[in-house]
Amino acid sequence: VFLLVVLATAVVSFSSGRASHGRNAAAKVFDRIALIATRECCANPQCWAKNCR
C-alpha cells in the first residue's frame, strides 16, 4: 500500500511539475520519493539492518 501511495504521488507531482518546471521537476520528485522510502525503511529494524548502515 505504501508503494502505491508513493507511486501515485510521483505520477501526480510529475505531471503537474512537468507542465510548469520541465525536466528538473522529475528529478525533484524522485529525490523526494527516495527520501521518503529511506525514512520508512530505516524505521523498520529488519530493513535497517540490510539497507541503512
C-alpha atoms as a PDB file:
ATOM      1  CA  VAL A   1       0.000   0.000   0.000  1.00  0.00           C
ATOM      2  CA  PHE A   2       2.822   2.396   0.865  1.00  0.00           C
ATOM      3  CA  LEU A   3       4.439   1.914  -2.535  1.00  0.00           C
ATOM      4  CA  LEU A   4       1.130   2.553  -4.302  1.00  0.00           C
ATOM      5  CA  VAL A   5       0.769   5.848  -2.453  1.00  0.00           C
ATOM      6  CA  VAL A   6       4.326   6.824  -3.342  1.00  0.00           C
ATOM      7  CA  LEU A   7       3.797   5.908  -6.980  1.00  0.00           C
ATOM      8  CA  ALA A   8       0.525   7.843  -7.172  1.00  0.00           C
ATOM      9  CA  THR A   9       2.193  10.860  -5.579  1.00  0.00           C
ATOM     10  CA  ALA A  10       5.057  10.656  -8.056  1.00  0.00           C
ATOM     11  CA  VAL A  11       2.720  10.493 -11.041  1.00  0.00           C
ATOM     12  CA  VAL A  12       0.626  13.449  -9.880  1.00  0.00           C
ATOM     13  CA  SER A  13       3.641  15.523  -8.886  1.00  0.00           C
ATOM     14  CA  PHE A  14       5.487  14.652 -12.066  1.00  0.00           C
ATOM     15  CA  SER A  15       2.512  15.567 -14.255  1.00  0.00           C
ATOM     16  CA  SER A  16       1.931  18.931 -12.602  1.00  0.00           C
ATOM     17  CA  GLY A  17       5.635  19.680 -12.268  1.00  0.00           C
ATOM     18  CA  ARG A  18       6.361  18.799 -15.859  1.00  0.00           C
ATOM     19  CA  ALA A  19       3.925  21.393 -17.104  1.00  0.00           C
ATOM     20  CA  SER A  20       5.449  24.187 -15.055  1.00  0.00           C
ATOM     21  CA  HIS A  21       9.055  23.250 -14.359  1.00  0.00           C
ATOM     22  CA  GLY A  22      10.244  20.945 -17.116  1.00  0.00           C
ATOM     23  CA  ARG A  23      12.691  18.087 -16.668  1.00  0.00           C
ATOM     24  CA  ASN A  24      14.095  19.315 -13.376  1.00  0.00           C
ATOM     25  CA  ALA A  25      10.753  18.607 -11.676  1.00  0.00           C
ATOM     26  CA  ALA A  26      11.109  14.879 -12.315  1.00  0.00           C
ATOM     27  CA  ALA A  27      14.461  14.818 -10.538  1.00  0.00           C
ATOM     28  CA  LYS A  28      12.997  16.627  -7.524  1.00  0.00           C
ATOM     29  CA  VAL A  29      10.032  14.241  -7.328  1.00  0.00           C
ATOM     30  CA  PHE A  30      12.172  11.141  -7.457  1.00  0.00           C
ATOM     31  CA  ASP A  31      14.587  12.587  -4.881  1.00  0.00           C
ATOM     32  CA  ARG A  32      11.624  13.127  -2.567  1.00  0.00           C
ATOM     33  CA  ILE A  33      10.405   9.560  -3.140  1.00  0.00           C
ATOM     34  CA  ALA A  34      13.855   8.197  -2.335  1.00  0.00           C
ATOM     35  CA  LEU A  35      13.975  10.229   0.875  1.00  0.00           C
ATOM     36  CA  ILE A  36      10.532   9.017   1.984  1.00  0.00           C
ATOM     37  CA  ALA A  37      11.351   5.408   1.132  1.00  0.00           C
ATOM     38  CA  THR A  38      14.619   5.642   3.074  1.00  0.00           C
ATOM     39  CA  ARG A  39      12.860   7.045   6.132  1.00  0.00           C
ATOM     40  CA  GLU A  40      10.236   4.297   6.022  1.00  0.00           C
ATOM     41  CA  CYS A  41      12.837   1.574   5.525  1.00  0.00           C
ATOM     42  CA  CYS A  42      15.149   2.804   8.239  1.00  0.00           C
ATOM     43  CA  ALA A  43      12.231   2.894  10.690  1.00  0.00           C
ATOM     44  CA  ASN A  44      11.873  -0.872  10.182  1.00  0.00           C
ATOM     45  CA  PRO A  45      14.613  -2.786  12.075  1.00  0.00           C
ATOM     46  CA  GLN A  46      14.845  -5.604   9.509  1.00  0.00           C
ATOM     47  CA  CYS A  47      15.142  -3.208   6.594  1.00  0.00           C
ATOM     48  CA  TRP A  48      17.577  -1.010   8.522  1.00  0.00           C
ATOM     49  CA  ALA A  49      19.865  -3.979   9.107  1.00  0.00           C
ATOM     50  CA  LYS A  50      20.132  -4.540   5.344  1.00  0.00           C
ATOM     51  CA  ASN A  51      19.995  -1.050   3.848  1.00  0.00           C
ATOM     52  CA  CYS A  52      20.620   1.772   6.308  1.00  0.00           C
ATOM     53  CA  ARG A  53      24.069   1.201   7.726  1.00  0.00           C
END
